[in-house]
N, C-alpha and C. Protein backbone atom coordinates (compact mmCIF):
# COMPACT_ATOMS: atom_id res chain seq x y z
N MET A 1 -35.51 36.69 -17.47
CA MET A 1 -35.59 36.91 -19.14
C MET A 1 -34.74 35.75 -20.16
N GLU A 2 -34.76 35.47 -20.95
CA GLU A 2 -34.11 34.53 -21.45
C GLU A 2 -33.06 34.94 -22.82
N TYR A 3 -31.96 34.12 -22.88
CA TYR A 3 -31.08 34.49 -23.98
C TYR A 3 -30.68 33.24 -24.76
N ASN A 4 -30.87 34.03 -26.31
CA ASN A 4 -30.56 32.82 -27.18
C ASN A 4 -29.49 32.98 -27.62
N ASP A 5 -28.75 33.50 -27.65
CA ASP A 5 -27.16 33.78 -27.64
C ASP A 5 -26.17 32.95 -26.86
N ASP A 6 -25.60 32.13 -27.16
CA ASP A 6 -24.56 31.48 -25.98
C ASP A 6 -23.12 32.73 -25.37
N ASN A 7 -23.15 33.25 -26.30
CA ASN A 7 -21.51 34.48 -25.93
C ASN A 7 -22.61 35.31 -25.43
N HIS A 8 -24.19 35.57 -25.83
CA HIS A 8 -24.80 36.61 -25.05
C HIS A 8 -24.60 36.31 -23.48
N LEU A 9 -25.30 35.21 -23.04
CA LEU A 9 -25.44 34.53 -22.20
C LEU A 9 -24.11 34.26 -21.17
N LEU A 10 -22.79 34.10 -22.00
CA LEU A 10 -21.64 34.17 -21.16
C LEU A 10 -21.51 35.73 -20.41
N GLU A 11 -21.27 36.38 -21.32
CA GLU A 11 -21.56 37.61 -20.72
C GLU A 11 -22.35 38.40 -19.96
N ARG A 12 -23.80 37.61 -19.92
CA ARG A 12 -23.97 37.64 -18.93
C ARG A 12 -24.18 37.23 -17.80
N VAL A 13 -23.60 35.88 -17.73
CA VAL A 13 -22.71 35.71 -16.69
C VAL A 13 -21.94 36.25 -15.90
N LYS A 14 -21.09 36.41 -16.46
CA LYS A 14 -19.72 37.66 -16.15
C LYS A 14 -19.78 38.37 -15.54
N ALA A 15 -21.32 38.98 -15.74
CA ALA A 15 -21.51 40.07 -15.39
C ALA A 15 -22.04 40.27 -13.91
N GLY A 16 -22.24 38.76 -13.90
CA GLY A 16 -23.15 38.21 -12.02
C GLY A 16 -24.99 38.29 -12.51
N ASP A 17 -25.34 37.87 -13.66
CA ASP A 17 -26.63 37.70 -13.53
C ASP A 17 -26.97 36.50 -13.57
N LYS A 18 -27.90 35.87 -12.04
CA LYS A 18 -28.09 35.04 -12.02
C LYS A 18 -29.14 34.40 -12.94
N ASN A 19 -30.06 34.83 -13.58
CA ASN A 19 -31.29 34.53 -14.11
C ASN A 19 -29.95 34.07 -15.41
N ALA A 20 -29.08 34.62 -16.01
CA ALA A 20 -28.70 33.86 -17.41
C ALA A 20 -27.87 32.47 -16.61
N PHE A 21 -27.25 32.61 -15.49
CA PHE A 21 -26.07 31.30 -14.79
C PHE A 21 -27.40 30.05 -14.58
N GLU A 22 -28.64 30.55 -14.38
CA GLU A 22 -29.44 29.39 -14.14
C GLU A 22 -30.13 28.91 -15.50
N GLN A 23 -30.15 29.52 -16.23
CA GLN A 23 -30.42 29.45 -17.70
C GLN A 23 -29.14 28.69 -18.28
N THR A 24 -27.94 28.86 -18.05
CA THR A 24 -26.97 28.36 -18.41
C THR A 24 -26.75 27.00 -18.19
N PHE A 25 -27.09 26.92 -16.87
CA PHE A 25 -27.04 25.76 -16.34
C PHE A 25 -28.35 24.28 -16.77
N ARG A 26 -29.49 24.97 -16.95
CA ARG A 26 -30.43 24.53 -17.49
C ARG A 26 -30.78 23.76 -18.53
N LYS A 27 -29.63 24.75 -19.75
CA LYS A 27 -29.81 24.04 -21.00
C LYS A 27 -28.34 23.74 -21.43
N PHE A 28 -27.40 23.16 -20.09
CA PHE A 28 -26.28 22.68 -20.53
C PHE A 28 -26.20 20.99 -19.26
N TYR A 29 -26.94 21.38 -18.27
CA TYR A 29 -26.31 20.19 -17.51
C TYR A 29 -26.56 19.12 -17.74
N ARG A 30 -28.22 18.24 -18.26
CA ARG A 30 -28.16 17.33 -18.85
C ARG A 30 -26.74 16.54 -19.66
N LYS A 31 -26.68 17.35 -21.15
CA LYS A 31 -25.36 17.18 -21.57
C LYS A 31 -24.57 17.07 -21.20
N LEU A 32 -23.83 17.73 -20.36
CA LEU A 32 -22.71 17.53 -19.53
C LEU A 32 -22.34 16.57 -18.49
N ARG A 33 -23.65 16.37 -17.94
CA ARG A 33 -23.62 15.27 -16.75
C ARG A 33 -23.36 13.96 -17.86
N ILE A 34 -23.75 13.82 -18.69
CA ILE A 34 -23.79 12.44 -19.68
C ILE A 34 -22.26 12.55 -20.18
N TYR A 35 -21.76 13.74 -20.16
CA TYR A 35 -20.42 13.78 -21.01
C TYR A 35 -19.26 13.16 -19.57
N ALA A 36 -19.55 13.81 -18.46
CA ALA A 36 -18.80 13.31 -17.79
C ALA A 36 -18.92 12.06 -17.31
N PHE A 37 -20.20 11.29 -17.18
CA PHE A 37 -20.52 10.09 -17.13
C PHE A 37 -19.30 8.86 -18.07
N THR A 38 -19.40 9.59 -19.18
CA THR A 38 -18.55 8.95 -20.28
C THR A 38 -17.01 8.19 -19.66
N PHE A 39 -16.50 9.27 -18.40
CA PHE A 39 -15.12 9.18 -18.12
C PHE A 39 -15.26 8.43 -16.87
N VAL A 40 -16.23 8.67 -16.20
CA VAL A 40 -16.08 8.55 -14.78
C VAL A 40 -16.83 7.20 -14.65
N LYS A 41 -17.59 7.20 -15.29
CA LYS A 41 -18.91 5.65 -15.59
C LYS A 41 -19.54 5.77 -13.81
N ASP A 42 -20.20 6.72 -13.57
CA ASP A 42 -20.51 6.74 -12.13
C ASP A 42 -21.63 8.01 -12.35
N ASN A 43 -22.72 7.73 -11.95
CA ASN A 43 -24.06 8.93 -12.13
C ASN A 43 -23.49 10.01 -11.55
N ASP A 44 -23.33 9.53 -10.14
CA ASP A 44 -23.34 10.40 -8.56
C ASP A 44 -21.97 11.11 -9.07
N ASN A 45 -20.73 11.09 -9.29
CA ASN A 45 -19.48 11.51 -9.57
C ASN A 45 -19.76 12.30 -11.02
N ALA A 46 -20.18 11.83 -11.27
CA ALA A 46 -20.76 12.68 -12.89
C ALA A 46 -21.77 13.95 -12.69
N GLU A 47 -22.73 14.17 -11.63
CA GLU A 47 -23.57 14.85 -11.02
C GLU A 47 -22.41 15.80 -10.53
N GLU A 48 -21.85 15.02 -9.77
CA GLU A 48 -20.78 16.06 -8.64
C GLU A 48 -20.07 17.13 -9.51
N ILE A 49 -19.38 16.32 -10.73
CA ILE A 49 -18.58 16.91 -11.84
C ILE A 49 -18.91 18.32 -12.03
N VAL A 50 -20.30 18.09 -12.62
CA VAL A 50 -20.68 19.11 -13.20
C VAL A 50 -21.33 20.51 -12.35
N GLN A 51 -21.80 19.86 -11.13
CA GLN A 51 -22.11 21.19 -9.96
C GLN A 51 -20.89 21.71 -9.57
N ASN A 52 -19.33 20.93 -9.92
CA ASN A 52 -18.58 21.35 -9.40
C ASN A 52 -17.83 22.39 -10.41
N VAL A 53 -18.08 22.06 -12.00
CA VAL A 53 -17.52 22.98 -12.52
C VAL A 53 -18.64 24.35 -12.50
N PHE A 54 -20.06 24.23 -12.79
CA PHE A 54 -21.35 25.54 -12.54
C PHE A 54 -20.58 26.28 -11.25
N CYS A 55 -20.03 25.75 -10.16
CA CYS A 55 -20.07 26.68 -8.93
C CYS A 55 -18.51 27.69 -9.34
N LYS A 56 -17.73 26.75 -9.96
CA LYS A 56 -16.64 27.65 -9.75
C LYS A 56 -16.82 28.35 -11.67
N ILE A 57 -17.10 28.03 -11.91
CA ILE A 57 -18.01 29.15 -13.20
C ILE A 57 -18.22 30.35 -12.15
N TRP A 58 -19.42 30.24 -11.63
CA TRP A 58 -19.84 31.19 -10.79
C TRP A 58 -18.91 32.19 -9.60
N GLU A 59 -18.19 31.19 -9.56
CA GLU A 59 -17.50 31.89 -8.26
C GLU A 59 -16.21 32.86 -8.99
N ARG A 60 -15.63 32.08 -10.43
CA ARG A 60 -15.00 32.87 -10.78
C ARG A 60 -15.65 33.36 -11.49
N ARG A 61 -16.69 34.03 -12.42
CA ARG A 61 -17.30 34.85 -13.09
C ARG A 61 -16.80 35.91 -13.65
N ASP A 62 -15.73 36.56 -12.78
CA ASP A 62 -15.59 37.60 -13.19
C ASP A 62 -13.78 37.51 -13.95
N GLN A 63 -13.67 36.38 -13.65
CA GLN A 63 -12.23 36.02 -14.45
C GLN A 63 -12.66 35.56 -15.69
N LEU A 64 -13.86 34.98 -16.32
CA LEU A 64 -13.78 34.15 -17.59
C LEU A 64 -13.33 35.25 -18.47
N ARG A 65 -12.57 34.36 -19.45
CA ARG A 65 -12.46 34.45 -20.94
C ARG A 65 -13.96 34.43 -21.81
N LEU A 66 -14.00 35.49 -22.58
CA LEU A 66 -14.59 35.40 -23.69
C LEU A 66 -14.19 34.73 -25.02
N GLU A 67 -13.46 33.82 -24.90
CA GLU A 67 -12.85 33.99 -26.17
C GLU A 67 -13.52 31.88 -26.12
N GLY A 68 -13.77 31.72 -27.89
CA GLY A 68 -14.38 30.67 -27.74
C GLY A 68 -15.66 30.75 -27.48
N SER A 69 -16.72 29.15 -27.41
CA SER A 69 -17.95 29.37 -27.37
C SER A 69 -18.00 28.72 -26.17
N LEU A 70 -19.36 29.38 -25.07
CA LEU A 70 -19.54 28.99 -24.00
C LEU A 70 -19.78 27.23 -23.90
N GLN A 71 -20.49 26.88 -24.75
CA GLN A 71 -20.29 25.48 -24.83
C GLN A 71 -18.80 24.70 -24.98
N SER A 72 -17.91 25.18 -25.61
CA SER A 72 -16.68 24.57 -25.52
C SER A 72 -16.00 24.90 -24.31
N LEU A 73 -16.24 25.98 -23.70
CA LEU A 73 -15.85 26.15 -22.18
C LEU A 73 -16.32 25.57 -21.29
N LEU A 74 -17.41 24.94 -21.04
CA LEU A 74 -17.86 23.97 -20.30
C LEU A 74 -17.80 22.49 -20.54
N TYR A 75 -17.61 22.18 -21.94
CA TYR A 75 -17.44 21.07 -22.30
C TYR A 75 -15.93 20.78 -21.50
N ARG A 76 -14.91 21.49 -21.82
CA ARG A 76 -13.85 21.87 -21.70
C ARG A 76 -13.32 22.13 -19.86
N SER A 77 -14.21 22.33 -19.52
CA SER A 77 -14.22 22.43 -17.81
C SER A 77 -14.45 21.08 -17.28
N VAL A 78 -15.65 20.27 -17.96
CA VAL A 78 -15.94 18.86 -17.31
C VAL A 78 -14.89 18.21 -17.54
N TYR A 79 -14.26 18.37 -19.19
CA TYR A 79 -13.11 16.87 -19.29
C TYR A 79 -12.35 17.25 -18.14
N ASN A 80 -11.77 18.38 -17.88
CA ASN A 80 -10.32 18.63 -17.09
C ASN A 80 -11.20 18.56 -15.48
N GLU A 81 -12.13 18.58 -15.12
CA GLU A 81 -12.72 18.30 -13.40
C GLU A 81 -12.75 16.52 -13.76
N SER A 82 -13.44 16.41 -14.32
CA SER A 82 -13.27 14.50 -14.55
C SER A 82 -11.89 13.67 -14.50
N LEU A 83 -10.93 14.13 -15.47
CA LEU A 83 -9.70 14.08 -15.29
C LEU A 83 -8.96 14.06 -13.87
N SER A 84 -9.16 15.42 -13.27
CA SER A 84 -8.92 15.59 -11.72
C SER A 84 -9.61 14.39 -11.09
N LEU A 85 -10.49 13.77 -11.19
CA LEU A 85 -11.37 13.60 -10.13
C LEU A 85 -10.98 12.05 -10.53
N ILE A 86 -11.13 11.57 -11.62
CA ILE A 86 -9.90 10.23 -12.13
C ILE A 86 -8.42 10.19 -11.46
N ARG A 87 -7.70 11.03 -11.71
CA ARG A 87 -6.62 10.81 -11.01
C ARG A 87 -6.38 11.23 -9.23
N HIS A 88 -7.35 11.85 -8.69
CA HIS A 88 -7.57 11.57 -7.39
C HIS A 88 -8.10 10.20 -6.58
N GLN A 89 -8.82 9.51 -7.96
CA GLN A 89 -9.20 8.04 -7.43
C GLN A 89 -7.97 7.43 -7.16
N LYS A 90 -7.26 7.55 -8.41
CA LYS A 90 -6.58 6.52 -8.71
C LYS A 90 -5.57 6.55 -7.50
N VAL A 91 -4.89 7.42 -7.02
CA VAL A 91 -3.74 8.27 -6.20
C VAL A 91 -4.59 7.44 -4.92
N LYS A 92 -5.94 7.89 -4.51
CA LYS A 92 -6.43 6.94 -3.06
C LYS A 92 -6.45 5.64 -3.71
N THR A 93 -6.81 4.78 -4.61
CA THR A 93 -6.82 3.26 -4.55
C THR A 93 -5.35 3.15 -4.23
N THR A 94 -4.26 3.97 -4.88
CA THR A 94 -3.18 3.46 -4.71
C THR A 94 -2.67 3.45 -3.27
N PHE A 95 -2.47 4.28 -2.63
CA PHE A 95 -2.68 4.78 -1.39
C PHE A 95 -3.29 3.07 -0.43
N HIS A 96 -4.70 3.35 -0.83
CA HIS A 96 -5.59 2.19 0.28
C HIS A 96 -4.46 0.93 0.11
N ALA A 97 -3.87 0.71 -1.08
CA ALA A 97 -3.42 -0.74 -1.86
C ALA A 97 -1.95 -0.81 -0.72
N TYR A 98 -1.40 0.61 -0.96
CA TYR A 98 -0.31 0.57 -0.10
C TYR A 98 -0.49 0.56 1.12
N GLN A 99 -1.14 0.79 1.87
CA GLN A 99 -2.00 1.03 3.50
C GLN A 99 -2.11 -0.58 3.74
N THR A 100 -2.91 -1.27 2.78
CA THR A 100 -3.07 -2.35 2.88
C THR A 100 -2.00 -3.57 3.05
N ARG A 101 -0.72 -3.26 1.73
CA ARG A 101 0.41 -4.20 2.39
C ARG A 101 0.84 -4.07 3.42
N GLN A 102 0.87 -2.68 3.71
CA GLN A 102 1.72 -2.43 5.04
C GLN A 102 1.38 -2.84 6.10
N MET A 103 -0.22 -2.99 6.42
CA MET A 103 -0.89 -4.05 7.78
C MET A 103 -0.39 -4.77 7.55
N GLU A 104 -0.44 -5.81 6.27
CA GLU A 104 -0.76 -7.01 6.13
C GLU A 104 0.86 -7.22 6.66
N ASN A 105 1.90 -6.75 6.29
CA ASN A 105 3.30 -6.92 6.23
C ASN A 105 3.80 -6.48 7.81
N THR A 106 3.12 -5.69 8.16
CA THR A 106 3.33 -5.69 9.80
C THR A 106 2.75 -6.75 10.83
N GLU A 107 1.70 -6.97 9.99
CA GLU A 107 1.29 -8.23 11.01
C GLU A 107 1.92 -9.53 10.50
N LEU A 108 2.40 -9.94 9.53
CA LEU A 108 3.23 -11.19 8.92
C LEU A 108 4.72 -11.01 9.83
N ASP A 109 5.21 -9.43 10.27
CA ASP A 109 6.43 -9.48 10.72
C ASP A 109 6.23 -9.57 12.11
N LEU A 110 5.01 -9.25 12.74
CA LEU A 110 4.86 -9.30 14.38
C LEU A 110 4.48 -10.85 14.39
N GLY A 111 3.82 -11.52 13.71
CA GLY A 111 3.62 -12.98 13.26
C GLY A 111 4.99 -13.91 13.54
N HIS A 112 5.66 -13.40 12.92
CA HIS A 112 7.31 -13.87 12.60
C HIS A 112 7.79 -13.83 13.68
N GLN A 113 8.11 -12.66 14.26
CA GLN A 113 8.90 -12.29 15.44
C GLN A 113 8.34 -12.95 17.20
N ILE A 114 6.78 -13.01 16.95
CA ILE A 114 6.71 -13.84 17.98
C ILE A 114 6.86 -15.48 17.59
N LEU A 115 6.62 -16.07 16.44
CA LEU A 115 7.16 -17.25 15.86
C LEU A 115 8.67 -17.76 16.15
N ALA A 116 9.57 -16.87 15.81
CA ALA A 116 11.09 -16.83 16.02
C ALA A 116 11.36 -16.78 17.29
N THR A 117 10.38 -16.02 18.13
CA THR A 117 10.73 -15.88 19.37
C THR A 117 10.66 -17.18 20.20
N GLU A 118 9.23 -17.83 20.15
CA GLU A 118 8.89 -19.03 20.35
C GLU A 118 10.08 -20.01 20.37
N LEU A 119 10.36 -19.94 18.82
CA LEU A 119 11.31 -21.20 18.53
C LEU A 119 12.64 -20.83 18.90
N ASN A 120 13.32 -19.62 19.51
CA ASN A 120 14.49 -19.56 19.75
C ASN A 120 14.69 -19.99 21.29
N ARG A 121 13.71 -19.67 21.95
CA ARG A 121 13.15 -19.96 23.33
C ARG A 121 13.28 -21.94 23.48
N HIS A 122 12.61 -22.25 22.80
CA HIS A 122 12.95 -24.18 22.70
C HIS A 122 14.46 -24.21 22.31
N ILE A 123 15.03 -23.69 21.34
CA ILE A 123 16.14 -24.14 20.72
C ILE A 123 17.19 -23.66 22.13
N GLN A 124 17.11 -22.78 22.33
CA GLN A 124 18.05 -22.48 24.25
C GLN A 124 17.73 -23.46 24.97
N SER A 125 16.40 -24.36 25.36
CA SER A 125 16.08 -24.89 26.05
C SER A 125 17.11 -26.22 25.84
N ALA A 126 16.85 -26.32 24.45
CA ALA A 126 17.42 -27.87 24.20
C ALA A 126 18.95 -27.59 24.31
N ILE A 127 19.71 -26.95 23.89
CA ILE A 127 20.65 -26.29 24.17
C ILE A 127 21.22 -26.50 25.65
N ALA A 128 20.67 -26.06 26.70
CA ALA A 128 20.66 -26.27 27.79
C ALA A 128 20.79 -27.28 28.17
N GLU A 129 19.89 -28.21 27.64
CA GLU A 129 19.86 -29.87 28.06
C GLU A 129 20.52 -30.66 27.61
N LEU A 130 21.80 -30.04 26.89
CA LEU A 130 22.79 -31.28 25.86
C LEU A 130 23.84 -31.25 27.20
N PRO A 131 24.78 -32.49 27.11
CA PRO A 131 25.98 -32.40 28.08
C PRO A 131 26.77 -31.34 27.89
N GLU A 132 27.32 -31.17 28.99
CA GLU A 132 28.37 -30.04 28.95
C GLU A 132 29.28 -29.71 27.42
N GLN A 133 30.26 -31.01 27.55
CA GLN A 133 31.06 -30.70 26.35
C GLN A 133 30.24 -30.60 25.12
N CYS A 134 29.78 -31.56 25.01
CA CYS A 134 28.62 -31.64 23.50
C CYS A 134 28.09 -29.97 23.50
N ARG A 135 27.54 -29.72 24.58
CA ARG A 135 27.04 -27.96 24.21
C ARG A 135 27.78 -26.79 24.12
N THR A 136 29.24 -26.89 24.76
CA THR A 136 30.30 -26.36 24.46
C THR A 136 30.57 -26.18 22.79
N ILE A 137 30.74 -27.75 22.76
CA ILE A 137 31.30 -27.74 20.79
C ILE A 137 30.14 -27.33 20.01
N PHE A 138 28.98 -27.71 20.56
CA PHE A 138 27.74 -26.85 19.58
C PHE A 138 28.16 -25.44 19.80
N GLN A 139 27.93 -24.80 20.56
CA GLN A 139 27.74 -23.02 20.72
C GLN A 139 29.00 -22.99 20.17
N MET A 140 30.10 -23.38 20.35
CA MET A 140 31.41 -23.05 19.45
C MET A 140 31.40 -23.32 17.96
N SER A 141 30.81 -23.82 17.22
CA SER A 141 30.74 -24.44 15.89
C SER A 141 29.29 -23.66 15.52
N ARG A 142 28.31 -23.64 16.34
CA ARG A 142 27.16 -22.41 15.57
C ARG A 142 27.15 -21.09 15.87
N PHE A 143 27.68 -20.30 16.82
CA PHE A 143 27.36 -19.51 17.75
C PHE A 143 28.33 -18.49 17.23
N ASP A 144 30.04 -19.51 17.50
CA ASP A 144 30.84 -18.52 17.14
C ASP A 144 31.68 -18.87 16.16
N ARG A 145 30.93 -19.70 15.08
CA ARG A 145 30.82 -20.17 13.80
C ARG A 145 32.94 -20.78 13.19
N LEU A 146 33.27 -21.53 14.24
CA LEU A 146 34.79 -22.16 14.85
C LEU A 146 34.28 -23.18 13.59
N LYS A 147 35.69 -23.35 12.89
CA LYS A 147 35.50 -24.72 12.47
C LYS A 147 36.35 -25.96 13.44
N TYR A 148 35.66 -27.01 13.29
CA TYR A 148 36.40 -28.14 14.16
C TYR A 148 37.76 -28.09 14.64
N GLN A 149 38.69 -27.89 13.08
CA GLN A 149 39.94 -27.83 14.01
C GLN A 149 40.02 -27.07 15.23
N GLN A 150 39.58 -25.80 14.65
CA GLN A 150 39.48 -24.87 15.38
C GLN A 150 39.09 -24.99 16.94
N ILE A 151 37.79 -25.61 17.09
CA ILE A 151 37.32 -25.91 18.17
C ILE A 151 38.55 -27.37 18.89
N ALA A 152 39.01 -28.08 18.15
CA ALA A 152 39.63 -28.95 18.46
C ALA A 152 40.83 -28.18 19.39
N ASP A 153 41.27 -27.29 18.76
CA ASP A 153 42.74 -27.09 19.23
C ASP A 153 42.45 -26.10 20.66
N ALA A 154 41.49 -25.61 20.55
CA ALA A 154 40.67 -24.41 21.72
C ALA A 154 40.16 -25.13 22.80
N LEU A 155 40.03 -26.51 22.77
CA LEU A 155 39.48 -27.10 23.63
C LEU A 155 40.78 -28.54 24.15
N ASN A 156 41.74 -28.79 23.47
CA ASN A 156 42.61 -29.59 23.57
C ASN A 156 42.33 -30.73 23.42
N ILE A 157 41.38 -31.47 22.17
CA ILE A 157 41.04 -32.19 22.15
C ILE A 157 40.65 -32.93 20.50
N SER A 158 41.19 -34.43 20.32
CA SER A 158 41.02 -34.43 18.88
C SER A 158 40.17 -33.63 17.96
N ILE A 159 40.06 -33.70 16.59
CA ILE A 159 39.16 -33.34 16.21
C ILE A 159 37.50 -34.15 15.79
N LYS A 160 38.28 -35.82 15.79
CA LYS A 160 37.54 -36.83 15.84
C LYS A 160 36.58 -36.49 17.30
N THR A 161 37.49 -36.50 18.10
CA THR A 161 36.14 -35.80 19.12
C THR A 161 34.76 -34.94 19.07
N VAL A 162 35.81 -34.09 18.07
CA VAL A 162 34.64 -32.50 18.03
C VAL A 162 33.66 -33.30 17.37
N GLU A 163 34.18 -33.77 16.22
CA GLU A 163 32.92 -34.29 14.91
C GLU A 163 31.95 -35.03 15.83
N ASN A 164 32.44 -36.32 16.77
CA ASN A 164 31.43 -37.05 17.46
C ASN A 164 30.30 -36.48 17.89
N GLN A 165 31.17 -35.42 19.28
CA GLN A 165 30.02 -34.56 19.63
C GLN A 165 29.33 -33.56 19.29
N MET A 166 29.45 -32.91 18.14
CA MET A 166 28.70 -32.66 17.26
C MET A 166 27.64 -33.29 16.37
N GLY A 167 28.04 -34.16 15.74
CA GLY A 167 26.88 -35.32 15.25
C GLY A 167 26.01 -35.80 16.48
N LYS A 168 26.80 -35.74 17.88
CA LYS A 168 25.73 -36.34 19.37
C LYS A 168 24.64 -34.80 19.33
N ALA A 169 25.31 -33.36 19.28
CA ALA A 169 24.72 -32.34 19.57
C ALA A 169 23.29 -32.60 18.87
N LEU A 170 23.82 -32.76 17.29
CA LEU A 170 22.74 -31.93 16.23
C LEU A 170 21.84 -33.45 16.64
N LYS A 171 21.79 -34.37 16.78
CA LYS A 171 21.12 -35.51 16.89
C LYS A 171 20.13 -35.15 18.12
N ILE A 172 20.48 -35.14 19.09
CA ILE A 172 19.43 -34.38 20.25
C ILE A 172 19.30 -33.45 20.35
N MET A 173 19.54 -32.47 19.69
CA MET A 173 18.69 -31.33 19.00
C MET A 173 17.19 -31.59 17.73
N ARG A 174 17.82 -32.62 17.04
CA ARG A 174 16.91 -33.03 16.24
C ARG A 174 15.63 -33.65 16.90
N VAL A 175 16.04 -34.40 18.23
CA VAL A 175 15.01 -35.30 18.49
C VAL A 175 13.89 -34.07 19.15
N LYS A 176 14.68 -33.36 20.03
CA LYS A 176 14.51 -32.16 20.42
C LYS A 176 13.41 -31.34 20.24
N LEU A 177 13.83 -30.80 18.80
CA LEU A 177 13.22 -30.04 18.46
C LEU A 177 12.01 -30.52 16.86
N VAL A 178 11.80 -31.98 17.15
CA VAL A 178 10.95 -32.14 16.07
C VAL A 178 9.81 -31.65 15.90
N GLU A 179 9.05 -31.75 16.94
CA GLU A 179 7.67 -30.83 16.70
C GLU A 179 7.79 -29.73 16.40
N PHE A 180 8.76 -28.83 16.32
CA PHE A 180 8.93 -27.40 15.63
C PHE A 180 9.29 -27.25 14.27
N LEU A 181 9.52 -28.53 13.62
CA LEU A 181 9.85 -28.40 12.76
C LEU A 181 9.17 -27.44 11.56
N PRO A 182 7.80 -27.84 11.55
CA PRO A 182 6.70 -26.90 10.31
C PRO A 182 7.18 -25.62 10.88
N LEU A 183 7.23 -25.24 12.01
CA LEU A 183 7.59 -24.01 12.40
C LEU A 183 8.93 -23.38 12.14
N ILE A 184 9.83 -24.09 12.10
CA ILE A 184 11.44 -23.97 11.17
C ILE A 184 11.07 -23.28 9.97
N ILE A 185 10.12 -24.34 9.30
CA ILE A 185 10.20 -23.97 7.92
C ILE A 185 9.17 -22.93 7.58
N LEU A 186 8.06 -22.86 8.52
CA LEU A 186 7.31 -21.71 7.96
C LEU A 186 7.98 -20.42 8.55
N LEU A 187 8.95 -20.57 8.82
CA LEU A 187 9.48 -19.23 9.05
C LEU A 187 10.30 -19.00 8.17
N TYR A 188 11.21 -19.59 7.58
CA TYR A 188 11.80 -19.99 6.55
C TYR A 188 10.96 -19.45 5.51
N LEU A 189 10.20 -19.80 5.34
CA LEU A 189 9.37 -19.84 3.69
C LEU A 189 8.79 -18.24 3.78
N ILE A 190 8.29 -17.80 5.10
CA ILE A 190 7.54 -16.72 4.87
C ILE A 190 8.43 -15.04 4.11
């Protein structure tokens, strides 16, 4: 049986008439799919949106309100479903971008840690090769963060000796770590 009046068609759908539902689907499907496409710019998504709208209408047919026209109900439903899909896609895209950044940062952090560990091992090796007094003064200056005068007082030596020993230590360290200069620069630029 064919229904000509959209309101009568909607009443029949609400009553569970499968023929009325099928007629509604055939009558509006193509126009609704084109309408959905204007939002989502993808045929598959447009088809899915329209199918979802019709599925929801059938599943909730007993809750349908007979306010307005059937056509406006369908277009409003497709509009809302399209916006919902667009929001969902934006959330997925945002999450994917976030996840990608997190993975890249984790890889950078891990690479940074490996490089830092390697550099630290070479620095410790170079420090261990310094003459004893030179090594002591270097460690007090760089690790304990003492000023030259404090080091001189603690070791009971002149400040000039501290300056000379620090100069010697830095010169030896530069020579021993010259091949790691690009690594040092890389670690501090990342």
